[in-house]
Amino acid sequence: MNSDTLISLVRSAAREELVPRFTHVKRGIKADGTVLTEADLAMQQRVANELNRLEPDILFLGEEMPAEEQQALLQSGKPLWVLDPLDGTSNYASGIPCFSVSLALIESGKLKFGMVYDPMRDECFTAQQGQGAWLNGGRLVPFDTGLKLKQSTGLIDFKRLAPALATRLVTGMPYSSQRSFGSVALDWCWIAIGRSHVYLHGKQNLWDYAAGHLILAEVGGQSCTLEGEAVFNNTLQPRSAVAALDPGLFAAWTDWLGIPR
């Protein structure tokens, strides 16, 4: 499928399903304690229907599906769309304008296409394996920040980190300043364009990180788990994530965290 078609599909769906409900939606709580709204479900159904109409041979996995169904889809070995219909639902339900839609395509166990759309800023990040990454059609290029780790901004999600590591980050802060925005998909993209410089998240799901992971990789960024493994492993196992766009910062960041190389 042409990437312009995908961009148009997701952008239109977000504008019609997410934006009108923003600040006018009630929240529910899923079994795992995370927030769910009618907008999540409406967006997932809308995108699933349109993708099936355009590419009926590609299977579809959405965040709001039962875990057993998700597992069966991933294990099928067939090409698979992976959608997070509303990444940052807690922000969305609270009226905080920081959320996104994340869509990835997995073929033969590899990430082939990734798209993250921020409807509040009308920013659309895309990437194709081996071909590069773009923001609203403009190619993203690697760059060296020239910053030392102590001068950088850390994009850190503390909630899912081990207490000892979280405490160490607070008491011995290795960066200059710290942020946490509440949308994993946007985290990856904002690292890719230098809005923050080093990244750490203790636990994210495939639909959270798949598209953003490819976008960062295609602009030359580096990432790994806290155990030094590749973040994407084509499973539903939640993964930690350590990342930076700048190779020098990535090396300094992983050294500070004590990650084996």
Protein backbone atom coordinates (compact mmCIF):
# COMPACT_ATOMS: atom_id res chain seq x y z
CA MET A 1 0.00 0.00 0.00
CA ASN A 2 1.20 3.50 -0.82
CA SER A 3 2.35 5.39 2.28
CA ASP A 4 0.34 8.46 1.25
CA THR A 5 -2.80 6.33 1.31
CA LEU A 6 -1.99 5.13 4.83
CA ILE A 7 -1.29 8.65 6.02
CA SER A 8 -4.58 9.89 4.61
CA LEU A 9 -6.46 6.97 6.14
CA VAL A 10 -5.07 7.45 9.65
CA ARG A 11 -5.18 11.25 9.56
CA SER A 12 -8.85 11.28 8.50
CA ALA A 13 -9.81 8.67 11.09
CA ALA A 14 -8.05 10.56 13.89
CA ARG A 15 -9.66 13.85 12.93
CA GLU A 16 -13.11 12.29 12.83
CA GLU A 17 -12.93 9.79 15.72
CA LEU A 18 -10.43 11.26 18.20
CA VAL A 19 -10.43 15.03 17.85
CA PRO A 20 -14.22 15.58 18.23
CA ARG A 21 -14.28 13.43 21.38
CA PHE A 22 -11.28 15.15 22.98
CA THR A 23 -12.33 16.70 26.34
CA HIS A 24 -15.81 15.18 25.87
CA VAL A 25 -15.18 11.53 26.66
CA LYS A 26 -15.67 9.38 29.74
CA ARG A 27 -12.93 7.05 30.92
CA GLY A 28 -13.20 3.41 31.91
CA ILE A 29 -10.60 1.13 33.48
CA LYS A 30 -9.38 -2.10 31.88
CA ALA A 31 -8.49 -5.24 33.81
CA ASP A 32 -4.80 -4.24 33.81
CA GLY A 33 -5.63 -0.88 35.40
CA THR A 34 -5.05 1.23 32.27
CA VAL A 35 -7.56 3.73 30.93
CA LEU A 36 -9.98 2.96 28.09
CA THR A 37 -12.39 5.32 26.31
CA GLU A 38 -14.96 4.99 23.56
CA ALA A 39 -12.50 6.84 21.34
CA ASP A 40 -9.97 3.96 21.58
CA LEU A 41 -12.59 1.48 20.42
CA ALA A 42 -14.06 3.70 17.69
CA MET A 43 -10.62 4.48 16.27
CA GLN A 44 -9.53 0.85 16.29
CA GLN A 45 -12.69 -0.33 14.54
CA ARG A 46 -12.50 2.45 11.96
CA VAL A 47 -8.87 1.80 11.03
CA ALA A 48 -9.32 -1.99 11.05
CA ASN A 49 -12.25 -1.76 8.65
CA GLU A 50 -10.47 0.56 6.25
CA LEU A 51 -7.23 -1.43 6.23
CA ASN A 52 -9.16 -4.63 5.59
CA ARG A 53 -10.96 -2.97 2.67
CA LEU A 54 -7.69 -1.79 1.13
CA GLU A 55 -5.43 -4.77 2.00
CA PRO A 56 -7.58 -7.82 2.84
CA ASP A 57 -4.56 -10.17 2.80
CA ILE A 58 -2.83 -8.38 5.67
CA LEU A 59 -3.98 -9.40 9.15
CA PHE A 60 -4.79 -6.81 11.83
CA LEU A 61 -3.74 -6.67 15.50
CA GLY A 62 -5.12 -3.88 17.67
CA GLU A 63 -4.33 -3.00 21.27
CA GLU A 64 -7.94 -3.45 22.36
CA MET A 65 -8.17 -7.08 21.17
CA PRO A 66 -8.13 -10.02 23.63
CA ALA A 67 -4.59 -11.23 24.38
CA GLU A 68 -5.31 -14.72 23.03
CA GLU A 69 -6.35 -13.28 19.68
CA GLN A 70 -3.30 -11.02 19.55
CA GLN A 71 -1.01 -13.99 20.21
CA ALA A 72 -2.61 -16.09 17.48
CA LEU A 73 -2.28 -13.25 14.96
CA LEU A 74 1.39 -12.68 15.72
CA GLN A 75 2.18 -16.40 15.57
CA SER A 76 0.46 -16.80 12.19
CA GLY A 77 3.60 -15.65 10.38
CA LYS A 78 1.49 -13.64 7.94
CA PRO A 79 1.91 -9.91 7.23
CA LEU A 80 0.37 -8.01 10.11
CA TRP A 81 -0.74 -4.49 10.87
CA VAL A 82 -0.15 -3.50 14.51
CA LEU A 83 -2.22 -0.57 15.74
CA ASP A 84 -2.36 1.46 18.91
CA PRO A 85 -5.52 3.47 18.18
CA LEU A 86 -4.88 5.98 20.96
CA ASP A 87 -1.45 6.02 22.55
CA GLY A 88 -1.66 8.27 25.60
CA THR A 89 -5.24 7.51 26.59
CA SER A 90 -4.74 8.87 30.11
CA ASN A 91 -3.65 12.21 28.65
CA TYR A 92 -6.55 12.17 26.20
CA ALA A 93 -9.14 11.40 28.87
CA SER A 94 -7.72 14.17 31.08
CA GLY A 95 -7.77 16.82 28.37
CA ILE A 96 -3.98 16.88 27.93
CA PRO A 97 -3.16 17.38 24.22
CA CYS A 98 -0.35 14.83 24.02
CA PHE A 99 -1.48 11.58 22.38
CA SER A 100 -1.07 9.80 19.08
CA VAL A 101 -2.02 6.96 16.75
CA SER A 102 0.65 4.34 16.03
CA LEU A 103 0.54 1.94 13.07
CA ALA A 104 3.24 -0.56 12.08
CA LEU A 105 3.52 -3.30 9.48
CA ILE A 106 5.36 -6.53 10.34
CA GLU A 107 6.37 -8.93 7.55
CA SER A 108 8.52 -12.03 7.98
CA GLY A 109 9.24 -11.05 11.57
CA LYS A 110 10.61 -7.61 10.62
CA LEU A 111 9.27 -4.07 10.94
CA LYS A 112 8.63 -2.84 7.40
CA PHE A 113 6.61 0.34 7.90
CA GLY A 114 5.89 2.64 10.82
CA MET A 115 3.64 5.65 11.24
CA VAL A 116 2.91 7.83 14.28
CA TYR A 117 0.33 10.59 13.91
CA ASP A 118 -0.15 13.42 16.41
CA PRO A 119 -3.55 14.94 15.56
CA MET A 120 -3.18 17.93 17.88
CA ARG A 121 -0.03 19.15 16.09
CA ASP A 122 -0.86 17.55 12.73
CA GLU A 123 2.56 15.91 12.79
CA CYS A 124 2.90 12.63 10.93
CA PHE A 125 6.11 10.63 11.38
CA THR A 126 6.70 7.74 8.97
CA ALA A 127 9.45 5.25 8.17
CA GLN A 128 10.07 2.40 5.75
CA GLN A 129 12.68 -0.24 6.44
CA GLY A 130 15.94 0.64 4.71
CA GLN A 131 14.50 3.77 3.08
CA GLY A 132 14.54 6.38 5.82
CA ALA A 133 12.12 8.35 7.96
CA TRP A 134 10.04 11.47 7.41
CA LEU A 135 8.04 14.11 9.26
CA ASN A 136 5.15 15.49 7.22
CA GLY A 137 6.96 14.44 4.05
CA GLY A 138 10.31 16.00 4.94
CA ARG A 139 13.16 13.53 5.32
CA LEU A 140 14.66 13.19 8.78
CA VAL A 141 18.46 13.12 8.81
CA PRO A 142 20.88 11.94 11.51
CA PHE A 143 22.70 14.62 13.46
CA ASP A 144 25.15 14.87 16.32
CA THR A 145 23.85 17.03 19.17
CA GLY A 146 27.35 17.77 20.41
CA LEU A 147 26.01 17.40 23.95
CA LYS A 148 27.57 15.53 26.82
CA LEU A 149 25.25 13.31 28.85
CA LYS A 150 25.20 15.86 31.69
CA GLN A 151 23.99 18.52 29.22
CA SER A 152 21.20 16.43 27.72
CA THR A 153 17.46 16.22 28.36
CA GLY A 154 16.24 12.83 29.54
CA LEU A 155 12.84 11.52 28.48
CA ILE A 156 12.20 9.16 31.40
CA ASP A 157 9.14 7.14 32.42
CA PHE A 158 9.71 6.43 36.12
CA LYS A 159 6.53 4.45 36.80
CA ARG A 160 7.74 1.17 35.36
CA LEU A 161 11.37 1.27 36.51
CA ALA A 162 12.83 -0.78 39.35
CA PRO A 163 12.85 1.32 42.54
CA ALA A 164 16.63 1.18 42.86
CA LEU A 165 17.15 2.54 39.34
CA ALA A 166 14.47 5.21 39.75
CA THR A 167 16.10 6.35 43.00
CA ARG A 168 19.54 6.46 41.40
CA LEU A 169 18.21 8.62 38.56
CA VAL A 170 16.79 11.11 41.05
CA THR A 171 19.69 11.25 43.49
CA GLY A 172 22.47 11.14 40.88
CA MET A 173 20.73 12.74 37.91
CA PRO A 174 23.02 12.09 34.93
CA TYR A 175 21.32 14.57 32.55
CA SER A 176 20.53 18.28 32.80
CA SER A 177 16.73 18.05 32.79
CA GLN A 178 14.01 15.39 32.70
CA ARG A 179 10.63 15.04 30.95
CA SER A 180 7.80 12.50 30.72
CA PHE A 181 4.94 13.11 28.28
CA GLY A 182 2.73 10.00 28.46
CA SER A 183 2.76 8.71 24.87
CA VAL A 184 5.35 6.02 24.12
CA ALA A 185 4.92 6.34 20.35
CA LEU A 186 5.62 10.08 20.50
CA ASP A 187 8.55 9.46 22.86
CA TRP A 188 10.39 7.55 20.14
CA CYS A 189 9.59 10.17 17.51
CA TRP A 190 10.60 13.10 19.68
CA ILE A 191 13.92 11.43 20.43
CA ALA A 192 14.33 10.96 16.65
CA ILE A 193 14.02 14.71 16.03
CA GLY A 194 15.96 15.89 19.07
CA ARG A 195 13.16 17.24 21.28
CA SER A 196 14.78 15.15 24.03
CA HIS A 197 18.12 13.40 23.89
CA VAL A 198 18.19 10.19 25.95
CA TYR A 199 15.27 7.85 26.59
CA LEU A 200 14.34 5.29 29.22
CA HIS A 201 11.12 3.33 29.67
CA GLY A 202 10.73 0.23 31.82
CA LYS A 203 7.87 -1.58 30.11
CA GLN A 204 6.12 -0.98 26.79
CA ASN A 205 4.02 -3.18 24.53
CA LEU A 206 4.48 -4.02 20.87
CA TRP A 207 1.74 -1.64 19.70
CA ASP A 208 3.29 1.15 21.78
CA TYR A 209 6.79 1.01 20.34
CA ALA A 210 6.77 -0.82 16.98
CA ALA A 211 6.29 2.18 14.69
CA GLY A 212 8.37 4.61 16.75
CA HIS A 213 11.21 2.11 17.08
CA LEU A 214 11.46 1.87 13.27
CA ILE A 215 11.29 5.66 12.88
CA LEU A 216 14.20 6.18 15.29
CA ALA A 217 16.23 3.38 13.69
CA GLU A 218 15.71 4.78 10.18
CA VAL A 219 17.04 8.17 11.22
CA GLY A 220 20.17 6.56 12.67
CA GLY A 221 19.16 6.37 16.33
CA GLN A 222 20.17 3.50 18.57
CA SER A 223 18.23 1.52 21.16
CA CYS A 224 18.31 -1.57 23.35
CA THR A 225 16.60 -2.99 26.42
CA LEU A 226 17.96 -2.62 29.94
CA GLU A 227 19.44 -6.10 29.44
CA GLY A 228 21.26 -5.02 26.28
CA GLU A 229 18.93 -6.87 23.89
CA ALA A 230 17.16 -5.58 20.79
CA VAL A 231 13.91 -3.86 21.75
CA PHE A 232 11.88 -5.35 18.89
CA ASN A 233 11.81 -9.14 19.01
CA ASN A 234 8.50 -9.87 17.21
CA THR A 235 6.73 -11.05 20.36
CA LEU A 236 4.05 -9.65 22.65
CA GLN A 237 6.47 -9.67 25.57
CA PRO A 238 6.62 -6.16 27.12
CA ARG A 239 10.05 -4.60 26.61
CA SER A 240 12.13 -1.99 28.35
CA ALA A 241 13.69 0.65 26.12
CA VAL A 242 16.89 2.70 26.27
CA ALA A 243 17.56 5.00 23.32
CA ALA A 244 19.29 8.06 21.90
CA LEU A 245 19.67 9.61 18.47
CA ASP A 246 23.29 10.65 18.98
CA PRO A 247 25.73 7.65 19.03
CA GLY A 248 27.98 9.37 21.55
CA LEU A 249 25.09 10.06 23.90
CA PHE A 250 23.82 6.51 23.49
CA ALA A 251 27.22 5.13 24.50
CA ALA A 252 27.44 7.43 27.53
CA TRP A 253 23.83 6.69 28.54
CA THR A 254 24.19 2.92 28.34
CA ASP A 255 27.48 3.11 30.23
CA TRP A 256 25.84 5.11 33.03
CA LEU A 257 23.00 2.57 33.19
CA GLY A 258 25.51 -0.31 33.25
CA ILE A 259 24.05 -2.03 30.19
CA PRO A 260 26.27 -4.77 28.73
CA ARG A 261 27.46 -4.34 25.14
